[in-house]
PDB file of all heavy atoms in Angstrom:
ATOM      1  N   LYS A   1     -19.039  10.108 -21.373  1.00  0.00           N
ATOM      2  CA  LYS A   1     -20.477  10.270 -21.480  1.00  0.00           C
ATOM      3  C   LYS A   1     -20.940   9.309 -22.544  1.00  0.00           C
ATOM      4  O   LYS A   1     -20.491   9.242 -23.657  1.00  0.00           O
ATOM      5  CB  LYS A   1     -20.860  11.611 -21.965  1.00  0.00           C
ATOM      6  CG  LYS A   1     -20.911  12.706 -20.909  1.00  0.00           C
ATOM      7  CD  LYS A   1     -21.623  13.946 -21.326  1.00  0.00           C
ATOM      8  CE  LYS A   1     -21.726  14.901 -20.184  1.00  0.00           C
ATOM      9  NZ  LYS A   1     -22.436  16.184 -20.617  1.00  0.00           N
ATOM     10  N   ILE A   2     -21.928   8.489 -22.084  1.00  0.00           N
ATOM     11  CA  ILE A   2     -22.606   7.482 -23.031  1.00  0.00           C
ATOM     12  C   ILE A   2     -23.988   8.084 -23.265  1.00  0.00           C
ATOM     13  O   ILE A   2     -24.765   8.302 -22.412  1.00  0.00           O
ATOM     14  CB  ILE A   2     -22.666   6.182 -22.370  1.00  0.00           C
ATOM     15  CG1 ILE A   2     -21.272   5.639 -22.113  1.00  0.00           C
ATOM     16  CG2 ILE A   2     -23.402   5.221 -23.264  1.00  0.00           C
ATOM     17  CD1 ILE A   2     -21.223   4.380 -21.440  1.00  0.00           C
ATOM     18  N   PHE A   3     -24.248   8.288 -24.554  1.00  0.00           N
ATOM     19  CA  PHE A   3     -25.566   8.950 -24.899  1.00  0.00           C
ATOM     20  C   PHE A   3     -26.610   7.812 -25.015  1.00  0.00           C
ATOM     21  O   PHE A   3     -26.505   6.905 -25.774  1.00  0.00           O
ATOM     22  CB  PHE A   3     -25.427   9.635 -26.174  1.00  0.00           C
ATOM     23  CG  PHE A   3     -24.627  10.868 -26.086  1.00  0.00           C
ATOM     24  CD1 PHE A   3     -23.259  10.915 -26.282  1.00  0.00           C
ATOM     25  CD2 PHE A   3     -25.117  12.089 -25.567  1.00  0.00           C
ATOM     26  CE1 PHE A   3     -22.490  12.002 -26.134  1.00  0.00           C
ATOM     27  CE2 PHE A   3     -24.417  13.212 -25.418  1.00  0.00           C
ATOM     28  CZ  PHE A   3     -23.027  13.173 -25.745  1.00  0.00           C
ATOM     29  N   HIS A   4     -27.665   7.942 -24.330  1.00  0.00           N
ATOM     30  CA  HIS A   4     -28.804   7.093 -24.362  1.00  0.00           C
ATOM     31  C   HIS A   4     -29.910   7.807 -25.059  1.00  0.00           C
ATOM     32  O   HIS A   4     -30.140   9.061 -25.002  1.00  0.00           O
ATOM     33  CB  HIS A   4     -29.109   6.777 -22.852  1.00  0.00           C
ATOM     34  CG  HIS A   4     -30.199   5.650 -22.782  1.00  0.00           C
ATOM     35  ND1 HIS A   4     -31.585   5.920 -22.757  1.00  0.00           N
ATOM     36  CD2 HIS A   4     -30.099   4.368 -22.566  1.00  0.00           C
ATOM     37  CE1 HIS A   4     -32.264   4.809 -22.708  1.00  0.00           C
ATOM     38  NE2 HIS A   4     -31.369   3.819 -22.521  1.00  0.00           N
ATOM     39  N   PRO A   5     -30.860   7.082 -25.667  1.00  0.00           N
ATOM     40  CA  PRO A   5     -31.933   7.770 -26.386  1.00  0.00           C
ATOM     41  C   PRO A   5     -32.712   8.667 -25.512  1.00  0.00           C
ATOM     42  O   PRO A   5     -33.258   9.604 -26.018  1.00  0.00           O
ATOM     43  CB  PRO A   5     -32.720   6.570 -26.917  1.00  0.00           C
ATOM     44  CG  PRO A   5     -31.783   5.487 -27.015  1.00  0.00           C
ATOM     45  CD  PRO A   5     -30.784   5.606 -25.976  1.00  0.00           C
ATOM     46  N   LYS A   6     -32.878   8.326 -24.240  1.00  0.00           N
ATOM     47  CA  LYS A   6     -33.678   9.138 -23.346  1.00  0.00           C
ATOM     48  C   LYS A   6     -32.928  10.004 -22.393  1.00  0.00           C
ATOM     49  O   LYS A   6     -33.397  11.090 -21.964  1.00  0.00           O
ATOM     50  CB  LYS A   6     -34.548   8.212 -22.492  1.00  0.00           C
ATOM     51  CG  LYS A   6     -35.632   7.453 -23.359  1.00  0.00           C
ATOM     52  CD  LYS A   6     -36.494   6.702 -22.465  1.00  0.00           C
ATOM     53  CE  LYS A   6     -37.555   5.915 -23.227  1.00  0.00           C
ATOM     54  NZ  LYS A   6     -38.481   5.139 -22.414  1.00  0.00           N
ATOM     55  N   ARG A   7     -31.666   9.658 -22.078  1.00  0.00           N
ATOM     56  CA  ARG A   7     -30.932  10.520 -21.158  1.00  0.00           C
ATOM     57  C   ARG A   7     -29.451  10.267 -21.279  1.00  0.00           C
ATOM     58  O   ARG A   7     -28.977   9.328 -21.902  1.00  0.00           O
ATOM     59  CB  ARG A   7     -31.350  10.273 -19.698  1.00  0.00           C
ATOM     60  CG  ARG A   7     -30.965   8.808 -19.219  1.00  0.00           C
ATOM     61  CD  ARG A   7     -31.393   8.542 -17.777  1.00  0.00           C
ATOM     62  NE  ARG A   7     -31.063   7.271 -17.306  1.00  0.00           N
ATOM     63  CZ  ARG A   7     -31.758   6.148 -17.550  1.00  0.00           C
ATOM     64  NH1 ARG A   7     -32.869   6.238 -18.272  1.00  0.00           N
ATOM     65  NH2 ARG A   7     -31.351   4.971 -17.063  1.00  0.00           N
ATOM     66  N   HIS A   8     -28.648  11.255 -20.736  1.00  0.00           N
ATOM     67  CA  HIS A   8     -27.177  11.091 -20.740  1.00  0.00           C
ATOM     68  C   HIS A   8     -26.782  10.361 -19.464  1.00  0.00           C
ATOM     69  O   HIS A   8     -27.300  10.604 -18.366  1.00  0.00           O
ATOM     70  CB  HIS A   8     -26.494  12.476 -20.811  1.00  0.00           C
ATOM     71  CG  HIS A   8     -26.819  13.186 -22.034  1.00  0.00           C
ATOM     72  ND1 HIS A   8     -26.513  12.712 -23.267  1.00  0.00           N
ATOM     73  CD2 HIS A   8     -27.387  14.412 -22.244  1.00  0.00           C
ATOM     74  CE1 HIS A   8     -26.928  13.614 -24.192  1.00  0.00           C
ATOM     75  NE2 HIS A   8     -27.440  14.609 -23.551  1.00  0.00           N
ATOM     76  N   ILE A   9     -25.886   9.439 -19.553  1.00  0.00           N
ATOM     77  CA  ILE A   9     -25.395   8.712 -18.362  1.00  0.00           C
ATOM     78  C   ILE A   9     -23.890   8.987 -18.295  1.00  0.00           C
ATOM     79  O   ILE A   9     -23.193   8.860 -19.158  1.00  0.00           O
ATOM     80  CB  ILE A   9     -25.601   7.119 -18.550  1.00  0.00           C
ATOM     81  CG1 ILE A   9     -27.087   6.888 -18.729  1.00  0.00           C
ATOM     82  CG2 ILE A   9     -25.100   6.439 -17.280  1.00  0.00           C
ATOM     83  CD1 ILE A   9     -27.432   5.421 -18.976  1.00  0.00           C
ATOM     84  N   LEU A  10     -23.486   9.395 -17.093  1.00  0.00           N
ATOM     85  CA  LEU A  10     -22.064   9.701 -16.869  1.00  0.00           C
ATOM     86  C   LEU A  10     -21.422   8.410 -16.220  1.00  0.00           C
ATOM     87  O   LEU A  10     -21.805   8.061 -15.113  1.00  0.00           O
ATOM     88  CB  LEU A  10     -21.935  10.913 -15.899  1.00  0.00           C
ATOM     89  CG  LEU A  10     -20.625  11.543 -15.599  1.00  0.00           C
ATOM     90  CD1 LEU A  10     -19.971  11.986 -16.894  1.00  0.00           C
ATOM     91  CD2 LEU A  10     -20.569  12.518 -14.545  1.00  0.00           C
ATOM     92  N   CYS A  11     -20.514   7.924 -16.863  1.00  0.00           N
ATOM     93  CA  CYS A  11     -19.852   6.661 -16.413  1.00  0.00           C
ATOM     94  C   CYS A  11     -18.477   6.917 -16.170  1.00  0.00           C
ATOM     95  O   CYS A  11     -17.698   7.571 -16.938  1.00  0.00           O
ATOM     96  CB  CYS A  11     -20.001   5.583 -17.552  1.00  0.00           C
ATOM     97  SG  CYS A  11     -21.692   5.078 -17.852  1.00  0.00           S
ATOM     98  N   TYR A  12     -17.903   6.400 -15.008  1.00  0.00           N
ATOM     99  CA  TYR A  12     -16.535   6.485 -14.683  1.00  0.00           C
ATOM    100  C   TYR A  12     -15.963   5.161 -14.942  1.00  0.00           C
ATOM    101  O   TYR A  12     -16.344   4.184 -14.320  1.00  0.00           O
ATOM    102  CB  TYR A  12     -16.357   6.950 -13.261  1.00  0.00           C
ATOM    103  CG  TYR A  12     -16.772   8.372 -12.977  1.00  0.00           C
ATOM    104  CD1 TYR A  12     -18.096   8.676 -12.594  1.00  0.00           C
ATOM    105  CD2 TYR A  12     -15.829   9.468 -13.132  1.00  0.00           C
ATOM    106  CE1 TYR A  12     -18.484   9.987 -12.495  1.00  0.00           C
ATOM    107  CE2 TYR A  12     -16.247  10.741 -12.923  1.00  0.00           C
ATOM    108  CZ  TYR A  12     -17.553  11.026 -12.585  1.00  0.00           C
ATOM    109  OH  TYR A  12     -17.950  12.257 -12.285  1.00  0.00           O
ATOM    110  N   ASN A  13     -14.877   5.015 -15.648  1.00  0.00           N
ATOM    111  CA  ASN A  13     -14.335   3.755 -15.925  1.00  0.00           C
ATOM    112  C   ASN A  13     -13.364   3.447 -14.744  1.00  0.00           C
ATOM    113  O   ASN A  13     -13.109   4.234 -13.875  1.00  0.00           O
ATOM    114  CB  ASN A  13     -13.559   3.643 -17.279  1.00  0.00           C
ATOM    115  CG  ASN A  13     -12.491   4.757 -17.406  1.00  0.00           C
ATOM    116  OD1 ASN A  13     -11.956   5.145 -16.377  1.00  0.00           O
ATOM    117  ND2 ASN A  13     -12.224   5.125 -18.624  1.00  0.00           N
ATOM    118  N   HIS A  14     -12.827   2.157 -14.825  1.00  0.00           N
ATOM    119  CA  HIS A  14     -11.958   1.699 -13.760  1.00  0.00           C
ATOM    120  C   HIS A  14     -10.696   2.495 -13.596  1.00  0.00           C
ATOM    121  O   HIS A  14     -10.255   2.727 -12.464  1.00  0.00           O
ATOM    122  CB  HIS A  14     -11.697   0.207 -14.019  1.00  0.00           C
ATOM    123  CG  HIS A  14     -10.821  -0.350 -12.947  1.00  0.00           C
ATOM    124  ND1 HIS A  14     -11.248  -0.663 -11.767  1.00  0.00           N
ATOM    125  CD2 HIS A  14      -9.496  -0.757 -12.996  1.00  0.00           C
ATOM    126  CE1 HIS A  14     -10.282  -1.218 -10.977  1.00  0.00           C
ATOM    127  NE2 HIS A  14      -9.191  -1.370 -11.714  1.00  0.00           N
ATOM    128  N   THR A  15     -10.193   2.982 -14.678  1.00  0.00           N
ATOM    129  CA  THR A  15      -8.953   3.786 -14.693  1.00  0.00           C
ATOM    130  C   THR A  15      -9.148   5.068 -13.856  1.00  0.00           C
ATOM    131  O   THR A  15      -8.296   5.537 -13.106  1.00  0.00           O
ATOM    132  CB  THR A  15      -8.436   4.078 -16.022  1.00  0.00           C
ATOM    133  OG1 THR A  15      -8.336   2.881 -16.799  1.00  0.00           O
ATOM    134  CG2 THR A  15      -7.166   4.850 -16.039  1.00  0.00           C
ATOM    135  N   SER A  16     -10.358   5.725 -14.127  1.00  0.00           N
ATOM    136  CA  SER A  16     -10.586   7.021 -13.527  1.00  0.00           C
ATOM    137  C   SER A  16     -10.776   6.811 -12.051  1.00  0.00           C
ATOM    138  O   SER A  16     -10.302   7.704 -11.142  1.00  0.00           O
ATOM    139  CB  SER A  16     -11.877   7.631 -14.101  1.00  0.00           C
ATOM    140  OG  SER A  16     -13.001   6.886 -13.697  1.00  0.00           O
ATOM    141  N   MET A  17     -11.265   5.652 -11.602  1.00  0.00           N
ATOM    142  CA  MET A  17     -11.407   5.379 -10.112  1.00  0.00           C
ATOM    143  C   MET A  17     -10.006   5.212  -9.496  1.00  0.00           C
ATOM    144  O   MET A  17      -9.813   5.702  -8.406  1.00  0.00           O
ATOM    145  CB  MET A  17     -12.298   4.157  -9.929  1.00  0.00           C
ATOM    146  CG  MET A  17     -13.744   4.240 -10.314  1.00  0.00           C
ATOM    147  SD  MET A  17     -14.720   2.782 -10.087  1.00  0.00           S
ATOM    148  CE  MET A  17     -14.681   2.596  -8.433  1.00  0.00           C
ATOM    149  N   LYS A  18      -9.169   4.540 -10.211  1.00  0.00           N
ATOM    150  CA  LYS A  18      -7.853   4.403  -9.664  1.00  0.00           C
ATOM    151  C   LYS A  18      -7.027   5.683  -9.560  1.00  0.00           C
ATOM    152  O   LYS A  18      -6.396   6.002  -8.671  1.00  0.00           O
ATOM    153  CB  LYS A  18      -7.014   3.368 -10.595  1.00  0.00           C
ATOM    154  CG  LYS A  18      -7.531   2.019 -10.459  1.00  0.00           C
ATOM    155  CD  LYS A  18      -6.761   1.114 -11.486  1.00  0.00           C
ATOM    156  CE  LYS A  18      -5.287   0.985 -11.101  1.00  0.00           C
ATOM    157  NZ  LYS A  18      -4.611   0.139 -12.041  1.00  0.00           N
ATOM    158  N   LYS A  19      -7.258   6.542 -10.494  1.00  0.00           N
ATOM    159  CA  LYS A  19      -6.686   7.856 -10.553  1.00  0.00           C
ATOM    160  C   LYS A  19      -7.214   8.729  -9.440  1.00  0.00           C
ATOM    161  O   LYS A  19      -6.531   9.597  -8.870  1.00  0.00           O
ATOM    162  CB  LYS A  19      -6.805   8.551 -11.856  1.00  0.00           C
ATOM    163  CG  LYS A  19      -5.947   7.817 -12.983  1.00  0.00           C
ATOM    164  CD  LYS A  19      -5.976   8.606 -14.236  1.00  0.00           C
ATOM    165  CE  LYS A  19      -4.898   7.999 -15.312  1.00  0.00           C
ATOM    166  NZ  LYS A  19      -4.832   8.766 -16.559  1.00  0.00           N
ATOM    167  N   THR A  20      -8.526   8.606  -9.251  1.00  0.00           N
ATOM    168  CA  THR A  20      -9.155   9.448  -8.160  1.00  0.00           C
ATOM    169  C   THR A  20      -8.544   8.999  -6.837  1.00  0.00           C
ATOM    170  O   THR A  20      -8.286   9.836  -5.942  1.00  0.00           O
ATOM    171  CB  THR A  20     -10.680   9.122  -8.114  1.00  0.00           C
ATOM    172  OG1 THR A  20     -11.241   9.574  -9.406  1.00  0.00           O
ATOM    173  CG2 THR A  20     -11.284   9.947  -6.968  1.00  0.00           C
ATOM    174  N   ALA A  21      -8.391   7.740  -6.662  1.00  0.00           N
ATOM    175  CA  ALA A  21      -7.716   7.192  -5.363  1.00  0.00           C
ATOM    176  C   ALA A  21      -6.333   7.747  -5.302  1.00  0.00           C
ATOM    177  O   ALA A  21      -5.892   8.026  -4.223  1.00  0.00           O
ATOM    178  CB  ALA A  21      -7.735   5.657  -5.327  1.00  0.00           C
ATOM    179  N   GLY A  22      -5.668   7.766  -6.437  1.00  0.00           N
ATOM    180  CA  GLY A  22      -4.232   8.358  -6.467  1.00  0.00           C
ATOM    181  C   GLY A  22      -4.306   9.751  -6.008  1.00  0.00           C
ATOM    182  O   GLY A  22      -3.237  10.165  -5.394  1.00  0.00           O
ATOM    183  N   LYS A  23      -5.331  10.579  -6.427  1.00  0.00           N
ATOM    184  CA  LYS A  23      -5.297  11.923  -5.958  1.00  0.00           C
ATOM    185  C   LYS A  23      -5.359  12.037  -4.485  1.00  0.00           C
ATOM    186  O   LYS A  23      -4.670  12.885  -3.859  1.00  0.00           O
ATOM    187  CB  LYS A  23      -6.532  12.623  -6.657  1.00  0.00           C
ATOM    188  CG  LYS A  23      -6.679  14.112  -6.254  1.00  0.00           C
ATOM    189  CD  LYS A  23      -7.799  14.768  -6.954  1.00  0.00           C
ATOM    190  CE  LYS A  23      -7.791  16.258  -6.681  1.00  0.00           C
ATOM    191  NZ  LYS A  23      -8.859  17.002  -7.379  1.00  0.00           N
ATOM    192  N   TYR A  24      -6.250  11.362  -3.805  1.00  0.00           N
ATOM    193  CA  TYR A  24      -6.373  11.451  -2.382  1.00  0.00           C
ATOM    194  C   TYR A  24      -5.163  10.872  -1.765  1.00  0.00           C
ATOM    195  O   TYR A  24      -4.688  11.356  -0.689  1.00  0.00           O
ATOM    196  CB  TYR A  24      -7.622  10.694  -1.882  1.00  0.00           C
ATOM    197  CG  TYR A  24      -8.900  11.347  -2.215  1.00  0.00           C
ATOM    198  CD1 TYR A  24      -9.750  10.933  -3.321  1.00  0.00           C
ATOM    199  CD2 TYR A  24      -9.276  12.511  -1.578  1.00  0.00           C
ATOM    200  CE1 TYR A  24     -10.973  11.552  -3.562  1.00  0.00           C
ATOM    201  CE2 TYR A  24     -10.451  13.246  -1.872  1.00  0.00           C
ATOM    202  CZ  TYR A  24     -11.342  12.707  -2.843  1.00  0.00           C
ATOM    203  OH  TYR A  24     -12.401  13.378  -3.201  1.00  0.00           O
ATOM    204  N   ARG A  25      -4.482   9.838  -2.315  1.00  0.00           N
ATOM    205  CA  ARG A  25      -3.272   9.361  -1.712  1.00  0.00           C
ATOM    206  C   ARG A  25      -2.164  10.481  -1.831  1.00  0.00           C
ATOM    207  O   ARG A  25      -1.380  10.575  -0.871  1.00  0.00           O
ATOM    208  CB  ARG A  25      -2.820   8.074  -2.579  1.00  0.00           C
ATOM    209  CG  ARG A  25      -1.720   7.332  -1.946  1.00  0.00           C
ATOM    210  CD  ARG A  25      -1.655   5.863  -2.342  1.00  0.00           C
ATOM    211  NE  ARG A  25      -1.878   5.760  -3.765  1.00  0.00           N
ATOM    212  CZ  ARG A  25      -2.854   5.147  -4.423  1.00  0.00           C
ATOM    213  NH1 ARG A  25      -3.880   4.592  -3.684  1.00  0.00           N
ATOM    214  NH2 ARG A  25      -2.915   4.999  -5.735  1.00  0.00           N
ATOM    215  N   TYR A  26      -2.092  11.213  -2.958  1.00  0.00           N
ATOM    216  CA  TYR A  26      -1.185  12.274  -3.065  1.00  0.00           C
ATOM    217  C   TYR A  26      -1.450  13.379  -2.045  1.00  0.00           C
ATOM    218  O   TYR A  26      -0.535  13.847  -1.442  1.00  0.00           O
ATOM    219  CB  TYR A  26      -1.350  12.920  -4.477  1.00  0.00           C
ATOM    220  CG  TYR A  26      -0.682  14.182  -4.681  1.00  0.00           C
ATOM    221  CD1 TYR A  26       0.732  14.136  -4.978  1.00  0.00           C
ATOM    222  CD2 TYR A  26      -1.274  15.416  -4.638  1.00  0.00           C
ATOM    223  CE1 TYR A  26       1.467  15.319  -5.242  1.00  0.00           C
ATOM    224  CE2 TYR A  26      -0.579  16.602  -4.770  1.00  0.00           C
ATOM    225  CZ  TYR A  26       0.804  16.592  -5.134  1.00  0.00           C
ATOM    226  OH  TYR A  26       1.353  17.698  -5.310  1.00  0.00           O
ATOM    227  N   SER A  27      -2.732  13.629  -1.713  1.00  0.00           N
ATOM    228  CA  SER A  27      -3.109  14.655  -0.714  1.00  0.00           C
ATOM    229  C   SER A  27      -2.584  14.199   0.673  1.00  0.00           C
ATOM    230  O   SER A  27      -2.124  14.993   1.423  1.00  0.00           O
ATOM    231  CB  SER A  27      -4.597  14.918  -0.729  1.00  0.00           C
ATOM    232  OG  SER A  27      -4.962  15.467  -1.909  1.00  0.00           O
ATOM    233  N   LEU A  28      -2.784  12.927   0.938  1.00  0.00           N
ATOM    234  CA  LEU A  28      -2.418  12.439   2.232  1.00  0.00           C
ATOM    235  C   LEU A  28      -0.877  12.447   2.397  1.00  0.00           C
ATOM    236  O   LEU A  28      -0.388  12.762   3.529  1.00  0.00           O
ATOM    237  CB  LEU A  28      -2.862  10.901   2.413  1.00  0.00           C
ATOM    238  CG  LEU A  28      -4.343  10.810   2.676  1.00  0.00           C
ATOM    239  CD1 LEU A  28      -4.767   9.317   2.650  1.00  0.00           C
ATOM    240  CD2 LEU A  28      -4.814  11.468   4.007  1.00  0.00           C
ATOM    241  N   ILE A  29      -0.120  12.098   1.366  1.00  0.00           N
ATOM    242  CA  ILE A  29       1.321  12.174   1.373  1.00  0.00           C
ATOM    243  C   ILE A  29       1.804  13.621   1.640  1.00  0.00           C
ATOM    244  O   ILE A  29       2.642  13.917   2.455  1.00  0.00           O
ATOM    245  CB  ILE A  29       1.947  11.693   0.077  1.00  0.00           C
ATOM    246  CG1 ILE A  29       1.695  10.170  -0.059  1.00  0.00           C
ATOM    247  CG2 ILE A  29       3.405  11.972   0.027  1.00  0.00           C
ATOM    248  CD1 ILE A  29       2.070   9.520  -1.369  1.00  0.00           C
ATOM    249  N   LEU A  30       1.136  14.584   1.010  1.00  0.00           N
ATOM    250  CA  LEU A  30       1.465  15.953   1.210  1.00  0.00           C
ATOM    251  C   LEU A  30       1.160  16.391   2.531  1.00  0.00           C
ATOM    252  O   LEU A  30       1.916  17.204   3.167  1.00  0.00           O
ATOM    253  CB  LEU A  30       0.637  16.774   0.048  1.00  0.00           C
ATOM    254  CG  LEU A  30       0.972  18.319   0.160  1.00  0.00           C
ATOM    255  CD1 LEU A  30       2.437  18.586  -0.182  1.00  0.00           C
ATOM    256  CD2 LEU A  30       0.100  19.017  -0.901  1.00  0.00           C
ATOM    257  N   LEU A  31      -0.023  15.969   3.054  1.00  0.00           N
ATOM    258  CA  LEU A  31      -0.358  16.393   4.464  1.00  0.00           C
ATOM    259  C   LEU A  31       0.651  15.855   5.482  1.00  0.00           C
ATOM    260  O   LEU A  31       1.093  16.584   6.319  1.00  0.00           O
ATOM    261  CB  LEU A  31      -1.799  15.799   4.819  1.00  0.00           C
ATOM    262  CG  LEU A  31      -2.236  15.972   6.148  1.00  0.00           C
ATOM    263  CD1 LEU A  31      -2.398  17.402   6.533  1.00  0.00           C
ATOM    264  CD2 LEU A  31      -3.589  15.175   6.342  1.00  0.00           C
ATOM    265  N   ARG A  32       1.022  14.582   5.304  1.00  0.00           N
ATOM    266  CA  ARG A  32       2.073  14.014   6.122  1.00  0.00           C
ATOM    267  C   ARG A  32       3.381  14.815   6.093  1.00  0.00           C
ATOM    268  O   ARG A  32       3.984  15.084   7.186  1.00  0.00           O
ATOM    269  CB  ARG A  32       2.263  12.533   5.729  1.00  0.00           C
ATOM    270  CG  ARG A  32       3.301  11.806   6.661  1.00  0.00           C
ATOM    271  CD  ARG A  32       3.573  10.404   6.036  1.00  0.00           C
ATOM    272  NE  ARG A  32       4.406  10.511   4.835  1.00  0.00           N
ATOM    273  CZ  ARG A  32       4.492   9.508   4.018  1.00  0.00           C
ATOM    274  NH1 ARG A  32       3.940   8.354   4.295  1.00  0.00           N
ATOM    275  NH2 ARG A  32       5.144   9.661   2.859  1.00  0.00           N
ATOM    276  N   GLU A  33       3.802  15.187   4.944  1.00  0.00           N
ATOM    277  CA  GLU A  33       5.152  15.870   4.798  1.00  0.00           C
ATOM    278  C   GLU A  33       4.945  17.304   5.370  1.00  0.00           C
ATOM    279  O   GLU A  33       5.942  17.722   6.079  1.00  0.00           O
ATOM    280  CB  GLU A  33       5.473  16.041   3.331  1.00  0.00           C
ATOM    281  CG  GLU A  33       5.883  14.728   2.680  1.00  0.00           C
ATOM    282  CD  GLU A  33       6.958  13.998   3.437  1.00  0.00           C
ATOM    283  OE1 GLU A  33       7.956  14.658   3.796  1.00  0.00           O
ATOM    284  OE2 GLU A  33       6.822  12.745   3.616  1.00  0.00           O
ATOM    285  N   LEU A  34       3.823  17.940   5.284  1.00  0.00           N
ATOM    286  CA  LEU A  34       3.654  19.325   5.910  1.00  0.00           C
ATOM    287  C   LEU A  34       3.595  19.202   7.387  1.00  0.00           C
ATOM    288  O   LEU A  34       4.222  20.022   8.081  1.00  0.00           O
ATOM    289  CB  LEU A  34       2.258  19.911   5.384  1.00  0.00           C
ATOM    290  CG  LEU A  34       2.308  20.424   3.989  1.00  0.00           C
ATOM    291  CD1 LEU A  34       0.872  20.863   3.573  1.00  0.00           C
ATOM    292  CD2 LEU A  34       3.355  21.607   3.771  1.00  0.00           C
ATOM    293  N   VAL A  35       3.083  18.146   7.923  1.00  0.00           N
ATOM    294  CA  VAL A  35       2.964  17.915   9.393  1.00  0.00           C
ATOM    295  C   VAL A  35       4.445  17.737   9.961  1.00  0.00           C
ATOM    296  O   VAL A  35       4.844  18.308  10.927  1.00  0.00           O
ATOM    297  CB  VAL A  35       2.064  16.753   9.790  1.00  0.00           C
ATOM    298  CG1 VAL A  35       2.226  16.448  11.320  1.00  0.00           C
ATOM    299  CG2 VAL A  35       0.611  17.180   9.479  1.00  0.00           C
ATOM    300  N   LYS A  36       5.165  16.884   9.223  1.00  0.00           N
ATOM    301  CA  LYS A  36       6.555  16.594   9.641  1.00  0.00           C
ATOM    302  C   LYS A  36       7.376  17.846   9.526  1.00  0.00           C
ATOM    303  O   LYS A  36       8.221  18.107  10.456  1.00  0.00           O
ATOM    304  CB  LYS A  36       7.163  15.539   8.718  1.00  0.00           C
ATOM    305  CG  LYS A  36       6.526  14.061   8.973  1.00  0.00           C
ATOM    306  CD  LYS A  36       6.985  13.194   7.860  1.00  0.00           C
ATOM    307  CE  LYS A  36       8.503  12.923   7.807  1.00  0.00           C
ATOM    308  NZ  LYS A  36       8.816  12.009   6.816  1.00  0.00           N
ATOM    309  N   THR A  37       7.156  18.690   8.487  1.00  0.00           N
ATOM    310  CA  THR A  37       7.892  19.962   8.347  1.00  0.00           C
ATOM    311  C   THR A  37       7.547  20.884   9.515  1.00  0.00           C
ATOM    312  O   THR A  37       8.537  21.548  10.064  1.00  0.00           O
ATOM    313  CB  THR A  37       7.698  20.597   6.970  1.00  0.00           C
ATOM    314  OG1 THR A  37       7.979  19.626   5.964  1.00  0.00           O
ATOM    315  CG2 THR A  37       8.421  21.883   6.895  1.00  0.00           C
ATOM    316  N   ASP A  38       6.260  21.013   9.891  1.00  0.00           N
ATOM    317  CA  ASP A  38       5.857  21.818  10.909  1.00  0.00           C
ATOM    318  C   ASP A  38       6.506  21.476  12.256  1.00  0.00           C
ATOM    319  O   ASP A  38       6.974  22.357  13.028  1.00  0.00           O
ATOM    320  CB  ASP A  38       4.324  21.853  11.148  1.00  0.00           C
ATOM    321  CG  ASP A  38       3.622  22.519  10.038  1.00  0.00           C
ATOM    322  OD1 ASP A  38       4.222  23.435   9.381  1.00  0.00           O
ATOM    323  OD2 ASP A  38       2.482  22.256   9.879  1.00  0.00           O
TER     324      ASP A  38
END
C-alpha cells in the first residue's frame, strides 16, 4: 500500500504478478495430474 495524501493506492509489484502466474500454473499442473489419475 502506498499512501497518498488524498487516497490509498494498491500497487502490485512485478514479483507479485509472477507469483500470481505461478499460482495458476500450479493449479493447471494439479488439474492435469487429477485428470490423468482419473
